Amino acid sequence: MGSSLQAVALWGIKAPAHCITAIMIADDQQTIVTGSHEGQLCLWNLSPELKISAKELLFGHSAPVTCLARARDFSKQPYVVSAAENG
């Protein structure tokens, strides 16, 4: 029997801000990736009706995200490389 592990982020009354500094849309035109001034990455779903909904919020950078790029064929393995102001 398999198991899965899901990370959960908790914060106070207000969710983290997400002032976008970098943006990338996948080839499938259904996934948008944004990088923020606060250093987070956010994955978004884009519906055929052009409605956007947040999918995942990723934490890792301690400075503003400056660049996003696909690391390989996004439809087969969706890897994104990100860079921040502090390297």
PDB file of N, CA and C in Angstrom:
ATOM      1  N   MET A   1       0.844  -1.169   0.000  1.00  0.00           N
ATOM      2  CA  MET A   1       0.000   0.000   0.000  1.00  0.00           C
ATOM      3  C   MET A   1       0.889   1.232   0.000  1.00  0.00           C
ATOM      4  N   GLY A   2       0.675   2.127  -0.932  1.00  0.00           N
ATOM      5  CA  GLY A   2       1.484   3.337  -1.047  1.00  0.00           C
ATOM      6  C   GLY A   2       1.025   4.414  -0.084  1.00  0.00           C
ATOM      7  N   SER A   3       1.884   5.358   0.129  1.00  0.00           N
ATOM      8  CA  SER A   3       1.533   6.496   0.977  1.00  0.00           C
ATOM      9  C   SER A   3       2.043   7.760   0.314  1.00  0.00           C
ATOM     10  N   SER A   4       1.493   8.877   0.730  1.00  0.00           N
ATOM     11  CA  SER A   4       1.955  10.147   0.185  1.00  0.00           C
ATOM     12  C   SER A   4       2.198  11.113   1.323  1.00  0.00           C
ATOM     13  N   LEU A   5       3.035  12.077   1.077  1.00  0.00           N
ATOM     14  CA  LEU A   5       3.389  13.088   2.058  1.00  0.00           C
ATOM     15  C   LEU A   5       3.068  14.439   1.457  1.00  0.00           C
ATOM     16  N   GLN A   6       2.325  15.255   2.162  1.00  0.00           N
ATOM     17  CA  GLN A   6       1.940  16.572   1.669  1.00  0.00           C
ATOM     18  C   GLN A   6       2.402  17.620   2.662  1.00  0.00           C
ATOM     19  N   ALA A   7       3.162  18.596   2.192  1.00  0.00           N
ATOM     20  CA  ALA A   7       3.618  19.688   3.049  1.00  0.00           C
ATOM     21  C   ALA A   7       2.488  20.686   3.257  1.00  0.00           C
ATOM     22  N   VAL A   8       2.459  21.277   4.428  1.00  0.00           N
ATOM     23  CA  VAL A   8       1.456  22.285   4.754  1.00  0.00           C
ATOM     24  C   VAL A   8       2.174  23.494   5.321  1.00  0.00           C
ATOM     25  N   ALA A   9       1.834  24.674   4.820  1.00  0.00           N
ATOM     26  CA  ALA A   9       2.408  25.920   5.340  1.00  0.00           C
ATOM     27  C   ALA A   9       1.337  26.647   6.136  1.00  0.00           C
ATOM     28  N   LEU A  10       1.703  27.101   7.310  1.00  0.00           N
ATOM     29  CA  LEU A  10       0.777  27.846   8.164  1.00  0.00           C
ATOM     30  C   LEU A  10       1.295  29.255   8.347  1.00  0.00           C
ATOM     31  N   TRP A  11       0.382  30.217   8.395  1.00  0.00           N
ATOM     32  CA  TRP A  11       0.765  31.593   8.658  1.00  0.00           C
ATOM     33  C   TRP A  11      -0.312  32.242   9.514  1.00  0.00           C
ATOM     34  N   GLY A  12      -0.097  33.478   9.886  1.00  0.00           N
ATOM     35  CA  GLY A  12      -1.025  34.196  10.758  1.00  0.00           C
ATOM     36  C   GLY A  12      -2.318  34.571  10.063  1.00  0.00           C
ATOM     37  N   ILE A  13      -2.879  35.682  10.466  1.00  0.00           N
ATOM     38  CA  ILE A  13      -4.169  36.141   9.951  1.00  0.00           C
ATOM     39  C   ILE A  13      -4.106  36.427   8.456  1.00  0.00           C
ATOM     40  N   LYS A  14      -2.981  36.950   7.979  1.00  0.00           N
ATOM     41  CA  LYS A  14      -2.846  37.310   6.564  1.00  0.00           C
ATOM     42  C   LYS A  14      -1.939  36.320   5.844  1.00  0.00           C
ATOM     43  N   ALA A  15      -2.364  35.905   4.657  1.00  0.00           N
ATOM     44  CA  ALA A  15      -1.526  35.044   3.815  1.00  0.00           C
ATOM     45  C   ALA A  15      -0.338  35.849   3.303  1.00  0.00           C
ATOM     46  N   PRO A  16       0.753  35.178   2.889  1.00  0.00           N
ATOM     47  CA  PRO A  16       1.905  35.907   2.357  1.00  0.00           C
ATOM     48  C   PRO A  16       1.527  36.728   1.124  1.00  0.00           C
ATOM     49  N   ALA A  17       2.149  37.879   0.985  1.00  0.00           N
ATOM     50  CA  ALA A  17       1.954  38.701  -0.216  1.00  0.00           C
ATOM     51  C   ALA A  17       2.607  37.993  -1.402  1.00  0.00           C
ATOM     52  N   HIS A  18       2.181  38.325  -2.599  1.00  0.00           N
ATOM     53  CA  HIS A  18       2.783  37.730  -3.798  1.00  0.00           C
ATOM     54  C   HIS A  18       2.849  38.799  -4.886  1.00  0.00           C
ATOM     55  N   CYS A  19       3.779  39.731  -4.720  1.00  0.00           N
ATOM     56  CA  CYS A  19       3.998  40.792  -5.715  1.00  0.00           C
ATOM     57  C   CYS A  19       4.847  40.196  -6.831  1.00  0.00           C
ATOM     58  N   ILE A  20       4.269  39.999  -8.005  1.00  0.00           N
ATOM     59  CA  ILE A  20       4.910  39.258  -9.094  1.00  0.00           C
ATOM     60  C   ILE A  20       6.081  40.028  -9.694  1.00  0.00           C
ATOM     61  N   THR A  21       7.233  39.337  -9.792  1.00  0.00           N
ATOM     62  CA  THR A  21       8.436  39.905 -10.403  1.00  0.00           C
ATOM     63  C   THR A  21       8.881  39.118 -11.635  1.00  0.00           C
ATOM     64  N   ALA A  22       8.347  37.907 -11.820  1.00  0.00           N
ATOM     65  CA  ALA A  22       8.678  37.079 -12.986  1.00  0.00           C
ATOM     66  C   ALA A  22       7.468  36.203 -13.292  1.00  0.00           C
ATOM     67  N   ILE A  23       7.255  35.941 -14.579  1.00  0.00           N
ATOM     68  CA  ILE A  23       6.100  35.123 -14.969  1.00  0.00           C
ATOM     69  C   ILE A  23       6.469  34.251 -16.164  1.00  0.00           C
ATOM     70  N   MET A  24       5.907  33.041 -16.192  1.00  0.00           N
ATOM     71  CA  MET A  24       6.148  32.103 -17.281  1.00  0.00           C
ATOM     72  C   MET A  24       4.864  31.315 -17.509  1.00  0.00           C
ATOM     73  N   ILE A  25       4.511  31.082 -18.760  1.00  0.00           N
ATOM     74  CA  ILE A  25       3.364  30.227 -19.070  1.00  0.00           C
ATOM     75  C   ILE A  25       3.882  28.974 -19.762  1.00  0.00           C
ATOM     76  N   ALA A  26       3.363  27.826 -19.358  1.00  0.00           N
ATOM     77  CA  ALA A  26       3.800  26.553 -19.922  1.00  0.00           C
ATOM     78  C   ALA A  26       3.246  26.375 -21.329  1.00  0.00           C
ATOM     79  N   ASP A  27       3.857  25.460 -22.076  1.00  0.00           N
ATOM     80  CA  ASP A  27       3.424  25.194 -23.446  1.00  0.00           C
ATOM     81  C   ASP A  27       1.969  24.742 -23.519  1.00  0.00           C
ATOM     82  N   ASP A  28       1.485  24.064 -22.472  1.00  0.00           N
ATOM     83  CA  ASP A  28       0.096  23.608 -22.485  1.00  0.00           C
ATOM     84  C   ASP A  28      -0.897  24.759 -22.331  1.00  0.00           C
ATOM     85  N   GLN A  29      -0.400  25.934 -22.015  1.00  0.00           N
ATOM     86  CA  GLN A  29      -1.187  27.151 -21.811  1.00  0.00           C
ATOM     87  C   GLN A  29      -2.270  26.961 -20.755  1.00  0.00           C
ATOM     88  N   GLN A  30      -2.025  26.025 -19.835  1.00  0.00           N
ATOM     89  CA  GLN A  30      -2.939  25.792 -18.721  1.00  0.00           C
ATOM     90  C   GLN A  30      -2.241  25.996 -17.383  1.00  0.00           C
ATOM     91  N   THR A  31      -0.930  26.158 -17.415  1.00  0.00           N
ATOM     92  CA  THR A  31      -0.151  26.343 -16.196  1.00  0.00           C
ATOM     93  C   THR A  31       0.647  27.628 -16.301  1.00  0.00           C
ATOM     94  N   ILE A  32       0.517  28.470 -15.284  1.00  0.00           N
ATOM     95  CA  ILE A  32       1.294  29.700 -15.185  1.00  0.00           C
ATOM     96  C   ILE A  32       2.160  29.585 -13.943  1.00  0.00           C
ATOM     97  N   VAL A  33       3.400  30.020 -14.044  1.00  0.00           N
ATOM     98  CA  VAL A  33       4.304  30.054 -12.893  1.00  0.00           C
ATOM     99  C   VAL A  33       4.688  31.508 -12.670  1.00  0.00           C
ATOM    100  N   THR A  34       4.580  31.966 -11.434  1.00  0.00           N
ATOM    101  CA  THR A  34       4.993  33.327 -11.104  1.00  0.00           C
ATOM    102  C   THR A  34       6.022  33.288  -9.990  1.00  0.00           C
ATOM    103  N   GLY A  35       6.949  34.230 -10.043  1.00  0.00           N
ATOM    104  CA  GLY A  35       7.907  34.440  -8.970  1.00  0.00           C
ATOM    105  C   GLY A  35       7.594  35.771  -8.322  1.00  0.00           C
ATOM    106  N   SER A  36       7.890  35.893  -7.035  1.00  0.00           N
ATOM    107  CA  SER A  36       7.479  37.096  -6.320  1.00  0.00           C
ATOM    108  C   SER A  36       8.646  37.871  -5.725  1.00  0.00           C
ATOM    109  N   HIS A  37       8.346  39.090  -5.337  1.00  0.00           N
ATOM    110  CA  HIS A  37       9.309  39.952  -4.658  1.00  0.00           C
ATOM    111  C   HIS A  37       9.714  39.338  -3.320  1.00  0.00           C
ATOM    112  N   GLU A  38       8.828  38.573  -2.717  1.00  0.00           N
ATOM    113  CA  GLU A  38       9.077  37.947  -1.423  1.00  0.00           C
ATOM    114  C   GLU A  38       9.860  36.643  -1.539  1.00  0.00           C
ATOM    115  N   GLY A  39      10.114  36.162  -2.764  1.00  0.00           N
ATOM    116  CA  GLY A  39      10.924  34.966  -2.980  1.00  0.00           C
ATOM    117  C   GLY A  39      10.150  33.679  -3.206  1.00  0.00           C
ATOM    118  N   GLN A  40       8.824  33.737  -3.233  1.00  0.00           N
ATOM    119  CA  GLN A  40       8.042  32.525  -3.462  1.00  0.00           C
ATOM    120  C   GLN A  40       7.790  32.316  -4.951  1.00  0.00           C
ATOM    121  N   LEU A  41       7.474  31.059  -5.279  1.00  0.00           N
ATOM    122  CA  LEU A  41       6.967  30.713  -6.600  1.00  0.00           C
ATOM    123  C   LEU A  41       5.531  30.264  -6.412  1.00  0.00           C
ATOM    124  N   CYS A  42       4.679  30.576  -7.368  1.00  0.00           N
ATOM    125  CA  CYS A  42       3.289  30.130  -7.307  1.00  0.00           C
ATOM    126  C   CYS A  42       2.937  29.474  -8.637  1.00  0.00           C
ATOM    127  N   LEU A  43       2.326  28.305  -8.554  1.00  0.00           N
ATOM    128  CA  LEU A  43       1.814  27.615  -9.736  1.00  0.00           C
ATOM    129  C   LEU A  43       0.317  27.885  -9.803  1.00  0.00           C
ATOM    130  N   TRP A  44      -0.138  28.255 -11.001  1.00  0.00           N
ATOM    131  CA  TRP A  44      -1.538  28.617 -11.211  1.00  0.00           C
ATOM    132  C   TRP A  44      -2.127  27.753 -12.307  1.00  0.00           C
ATOM    133  N   ASN A  45      -3.395  27.402 -12.174  1.00  0.00           N
ATOM    134  CA  ASN A  45      -4.145  26.737 -13.241  1.00  0.00           C
ATOM    135  C   ASN A  45      -4.901  27.800 -14.021  1.00  0.00           C
ATOM    136  N   LEU A  46      -4.877  27.691 -15.338  1.00  0.00           N
ATOM    137  CA  LEU A  46      -5.630  28.583 -16.213  1.00  0.00           C
ATOM    138  C   LEU A  46      -6.664  27.738 -16.944  1.00  0.00           C
ATOM    139  N   SER A  47      -7.941  27.991 -16.672  1.00  0.00           N
ATOM    140  CA  SER A  47      -9.014  27.192 -17.275  1.00  0.00           C
ATOM    141  C   SER A  47      -9.277  27.658 -18.708  1.00  0.00           C
ATOM    142  N   PRO A  48      -9.974  26.841 -19.499  1.00  0.00           N
ATOM    143  CA  PRO A  48     -10.342  27.261 -20.856  1.00  0.00           C
ATOM    144  C   PRO A  48     -11.176  28.545 -20.870  1.00  0.00           C
ATOM    145  N   GLU A  49     -11.861  28.828 -19.752  1.00  0.00           N
ATOM    146  CA  GLU A  49     -12.650  30.063 -19.637  1.00  0.00           C
ATOM    147  C   GLU A  49     -11.793  31.231 -19.152  1.00  0.00           C
ATOM    148  N   LEU A  50     -10.479  31.011 -19.076  1.00  0.00           N
ATOM    149  CA  LEU A  50      -9.491  32.006 -18.643  1.00  0.00           C
ATOM    150  C   LEU A  50      -9.648  32.405 -17.176  1.00  0.00           C
ATOM    151  N   LYS A  51     -10.108  31.479 -16.353  1.00  0.00           N
ATOM    152  CA  LYS A  51     -10.161  31.699 -14.911  1.00  0.00           C
ATOM    153  C   LYS A  51      -8.876  31.156 -14.300  1.00  0.00           C
ATOM    154  N   ILE A  52      -8.274  31.937 -13.430  1.00  0.00           N
ATOM    155  CA  ILE A  52      -6.999  31.565 -12.818  1.00  0.00           C
ATOM    156  C   ILE A  52      -7.243  31.154 -11.371  1.00  0.00           C
ATOM    157  N   SER A  53      -6.657  30.013 -10.983  1.00  0.00           N
ATOM    158  CA  SER A  53      -6.747  29.569  -9.592  1.00  0.00           C
ATOM    159  C   SER A  53      -5.377  29.080  -9.135  1.00  0.00           C
ATOM    160  N   ALA A  54      -5.028  29.392  -7.898  1.00  0.00           N
ATOM    161  CA  ALA A  54      -3.734  28.990  -7.346  1.00  0.00           C
ATOM    162  C   ALA A  54      -3.699  27.479  -7.148  1.00  0.00           C
ATOM    163  N   LYS A  55      -2.569  26.877  -7.512  1.00  0.00           N
ATOM    164  CA  LYS A  55      -2.398  25.433  -7.389  1.00  0.00           C
ATOM    165  C   LYS A  55      -1.438  25.111  -6.247  1.00  0.00           C
ATOM    166  N   GLU A  56      -0.279  25.751  -6.236  1.00  0.00           N
ATOM    167  CA  GLU A  56       0.726  25.512  -5.201  1.00  0.00           C
ATOM    168  C   GLU A  56       1.508  26.785  -4.939  1.00  0.00           C
ATOM    169  N   LEU A  57       1.933  26.964  -3.700  1.00  0.00           N
ATOM    170  CA  LEU A  57       2.813  28.063  -3.317  1.00  0.00           C
ATOM    171  C   LEU A  57       4.092  27.437  -2.798  1.00  0.00           C
ATOM    172  N   LEU A  58       5.212  27.766  -3.427  1.00  0.00           N
ATOM    173  CA  LEU A  58       6.503  27.165  -3.093  1.00  0.00           C
ATOM    174  C   LEU A  58       7.417  28.206  -2.458  1.00  0.00           C
ATOM    175  N   PHE A  59       8.076  27.825  -1.390  1.00  0.00           N
ATOM    176  CA  PHE A  59       9.003  28.710  -0.687  1.00  0.00           C
ATOM    177  C   PHE A  59      10.422  28.201  -0.893  1.00  0.00           C
ATOM    178  N   GLY A  60      11.384  29.093  -1.096  1.00  0.00           N
ATOM    179  CA  GLY A  60      12.759  28.647  -1.280  1.00  0.00           C
ATOM    180  C   GLY A  60      13.746  29.780  -1.388  1.00  0.00           C
ATOM    181  N   HIS A  61      13.358  30.870  -2.019  1.00  0.00           N
ATOM    182  CA  HIS A  61      14.258  32.011  -2.164  1.00  0.00           C
ATOM    183  C   HIS A  61      14.076  32.980  -1.002  1.00  0.00           C
ATOM    184  N   SER A  62      15.155  33.683  -0.674  1.00  0.00           N
ATOM    185  CA  SER A  62      15.085  34.694   0.386  1.00  0.00           C
ATOM    186  C   SER A  62      15.196  36.106  -0.185  1.00  0.00           C
ATOM    187  N   ALA A  63      15.145  36.218  -1.508  1.00  0.00           N
ATOM    188  CA  ALA A  63      15.220  37.514  -2.196  1.00  0.00           C
ATOM    189  C   ALA A  63      14.251  37.469  -3.377  1.00  0.00           C
ATOM    190  N   PRO A  64      13.973  38.614  -3.994  1.00  0.00           N
ATOM    191  CA  PRO A  64      13.043  38.638  -5.126  1.00  0.00           C
ATOM    192  C   PRO A  64      13.462  37.705  -6.270  1.00  0.00           C
ATOM    193  N   VAL A  65      12.488  36.998  -6.830  1.00  0.00           N
ATOM    194  CA  VAL A  65      12.722  36.122  -7.979  1.00  0.00           C
ATOM    195  C   VAL A  65      12.894  37.001  -9.210  1.00  0.00           C
ATOM    196  N   THR A  66      13.951  36.755  -9.976  1.00  0.00           N
ATOM    197  CA  THR A  66      14.248  37.580 -11.148  1.00  0.00           C
ATOM    198  C   THR A  66      14.034  36.851 -12.471  1.00  0.00           C
ATOM    199  N   CYS A  67      14.017  35.514 -12.444  1.00  0.00           N
ATOM    200  CA  CYS A  67      13.959  34.774 -13.704  1.00  0.00           C
ATOM    201  C   CYS A  67      13.309  33.413 -13.494  1.00  0.00           C
ATOM    202  N   LEU A  68      12.509  32.988 -14.472  1.00  0.00           N
ATOM    203  CA  LEU A  68      11.909  31.653 -14.500  1.00  0.00           C
ATOM    204  C   LEU A  68      12.154  31.056 -15.876  1.00  0.00           C
ATOM    205  N   ALA A  69      12.469  29.762 -15.926  1.00  0.00           N
ATOM    206  CA  ALA A  69      12.689  29.094 -17.210  1.00  0.00           C
ATOM    207  C   ALA A  69      12.330  27.622 -17.090  1.00  0.00           C
ATOM    208  N   ARG A  70      11.865  27.042 -18.182  1.00  0.00           N
ATOM    209  CA  ARG A  70      11.610  25.602 -18.206  1.00  0.00           C
ATOM    210  C   ARG A  70      12.935  24.866 -18.220  1.00  0.00           C
ATOM    211  N   ALA A  71      13.023  23.794 -17.448  1.00  0.00           N
ATOM    212  CA  ALA A  71      14.250  23.009 -17.410  1.00  0.00           C
ATOM    213  C   ALA A  71      14.242  21.888 -18.442  1.00  0.00           C
ATOM    214  N   ARG A  72      13.062  21.492 -18.903  1.00  0.00           N
ATOM    215  CA  ARG A  72      12.913  20.452 -19.929  1.00  0.00           C
ATOM    216  C   ARG A  72      11.514  20.533 -20.507  1.00  0.00           C
ATOM    217  N   ASP A  73      11.142  19.582 -21.327  1.00  0.00           N
ATOM    218  CA  ASP A  73       9.808  19.569 -21.935  1.00  0.00           C
ATOM    219  C   ASP A  73       8.753  19.558 -20.833  1.00  0.00           C
ATOM    220  N   PHE A  74       8.056  20.667 -20.672  1.00  0.00           N
ATOM    221  CA  PHE A  74       7.132  20.855 -19.553  1.00  0.00           C
ATOM    222  C   PHE A  74       5.977  19.865 -19.582  1.00  0.00           C
ATOM    223  N   SER A  75       5.557  19.432 -20.771  1.00  0.00           N
ATOM    224  CA  SER A  75       4.424  18.505 -20.856  1.00  0.00           C
ATOM    225  C   SER A  75       4.791  17.109 -20.355  1.00  0.00           C
ATOM    226  N   LYS A  76       6.075  16.742 -20.431  1.00  0.00           N
ATOM    227  CA  LYS A  76       6.514  15.419 -19.987  1.00  0.00           C
ATOM    228  C   LYS A  76       6.979  15.437 -18.534  1.00  0.00           C
ATOM    229  N   GLN A  77       7.778  16.412 -18.179  1.00  0.00           N
ATOM    230  CA  GLN A  77       8.264  16.556 -16.806  1.00  0.00           C
ATOM    231  C   GLN A  77       8.315  18.043 -16.490  1.00  0.00           C
ATOM    232  N   PRO A  78       7.355  18.519 -15.719  1.00  0.00           N
ATOM    233  CA  PRO A  78       7.246  19.968 -15.490  1.00  0.00           C
ATOM    234  C   PRO A  78       8.243  20.510 -14.469  1.00  0.00           C
ATOM    235  N   TYR A  79       9.475  20.703 -14.899  1.00  0.00           N
ATOM    236  CA  TYR A  79      10.499  21.289 -14.042  1.00  0.00           C
ATOM    237  C   TYR A  79      10.724  22.743 -14.434  1.00  0.00           C
ATOM    238  N   VAL A  80      10.816  23.604 -13.435  1.00  0.00           N
ATOM    239  CA  VAL A  80      11.077  25.022 -13.645  1.00  0.00           C
ATOM    240  C   VAL A  80      12.325  25.393 -12.863  1.00  0.00           C
ATOM    241  N   VAL A  81      13.181  26.192 -13.479  1.00  0.00           N
ATOM    242  CA  VAL A  81      14.368  26.722 -12.808  1.00  0.00           C
ATOM    243  C   VAL A  81      14.079  28.177 -12.484  1.00  0.00           C
ATOM    244  N   SER A  82      14.431  28.586 -11.267  1.00  0.00           N
ATOM    245  CA  SER A  82      14.220  29.977 -10.873  1.00  0.00           C
ATOM    246  C   SER A  82      15.519  30.561 -10.334  1.00  0.00           C
ATOM    247  N   ALA A  83      15.654  31.869 -10.469  1.00  0.00           N
ATOM    248  CA  ALA A  83      16.818  32.581  -9.935  1.00  0.00           C
ATOM    249  C   ALA A  83      16.304  33.790  -9.162  1.00  0.00           C
ATOM    250  N   ALA A  84      17.094  34.215  -8.181  1.00  0.00           N
ATOM    251  CA  ALA A  84      16.714  35.362  -7.359  1.00  0.00           C
ATOM    252  C   ALA A  84      17.836  36.388  -7.360  1.00  0.00           C
ATOM    253  N   GLU A  85      17.533  37.579  -6.854  1.00  0.00           N
ATOM    254  CA  GLU A  85      18.513  38.669  -6.833  1.00  0.00           C
ATOM    255  C   GLU A  85      19.802  38.302  -6.107  1.00  0.00           C
ATOM    256  N   ASN A  86      19.716  37.455  -5.101  1.00  0.00           N
ATOM    257  CA  ASN A  86      20.904  37.113  -4.318  1.00  0.00           C
ATOM    258  C   ASN A  86      21.575  35.831  -4.799  1.00  0.00           C
ATOM    259  N   GLY A  87      21.230  35.387  -5.995  1.00  0.00           N
ATOM    260  CA  GLY A  87      21.873  34.212  -6.564  1.00  0.00           C
ATOM    261  C   GLY A  87      21.005  33.045  -6.456  1.00  0.00           C
TER     262      GLY A  87
END
